[in-house]
Amino acid sequence: MLICVVGMPGAGKGEFVKVAREEGIPVVVMGDAVRREAERRGMDVGEMAKRLREERGMDAVARLVVEDVERELRRAGIVVIDGIRNPEELEYFRNRFGERSVIVVAIHASPQTRFERLRGRGREDDPNTKREFEERDERELGFGIGDVISRADVMIVNESVSLPEFREKCRMVIKAILRGDPDDLPGNFDYLRIPD
């Protein structure tokens, strides 16, 4: 089973990933593959993401990480994929591993909340100004991330909750997916499709 986590920058994907790791689920971070390629080529991460897709197609990053995904699936039978950006990547994984093996979990937070989180995070590629933040959002939306979010099987709202509360929401979703039991989900989850 693949759990693909998607969300705009600063929504809380990283916290979902931390909880998944705490639950013993291996994680493949698509952005790490882009950062490695950017470092190798001496390019900006955002520009590298765009260049990869121009050079190799919209599913380029999915193809970069597929060996890592396959290795983790052989080892654990389940993997979280962090950072799907477009429908082509999602379809690549569904075609490769089977439609019914892929669950999409979207994390949502407002632009203002996300901007504040990103400013406090301190990663090199995080925006310092509101304009940089808006440009990054436009780039992400240009890749098609909104289309993937709209196809989510689960939506977790990360707004007006404490970090421990959000982490508990993530843990409950992960455990419900692992059990195949959508009735165990707390509020704010409108829909959950569990593979047969």
Foldseek 3Di string as FASTA:
>chain_A
DEEEEAEAAQLCLVLLQVLCVVVVAAEDELLVLLVVVCVVVVHDSLVSLVVQCVVPNLLRSLVSCVVVVVVRCVVPVYYYYYDDQAVVVVVVCCVVPNVLRYAYEYGDDDLVNSLVSQCVPDDPQGDDDPVSSVVSRVSSVVSHSVVSNVVHQWYQYDYPDDSVVSSVLSNQVVVCQVVVHPVSHDPPTPGHDHRD
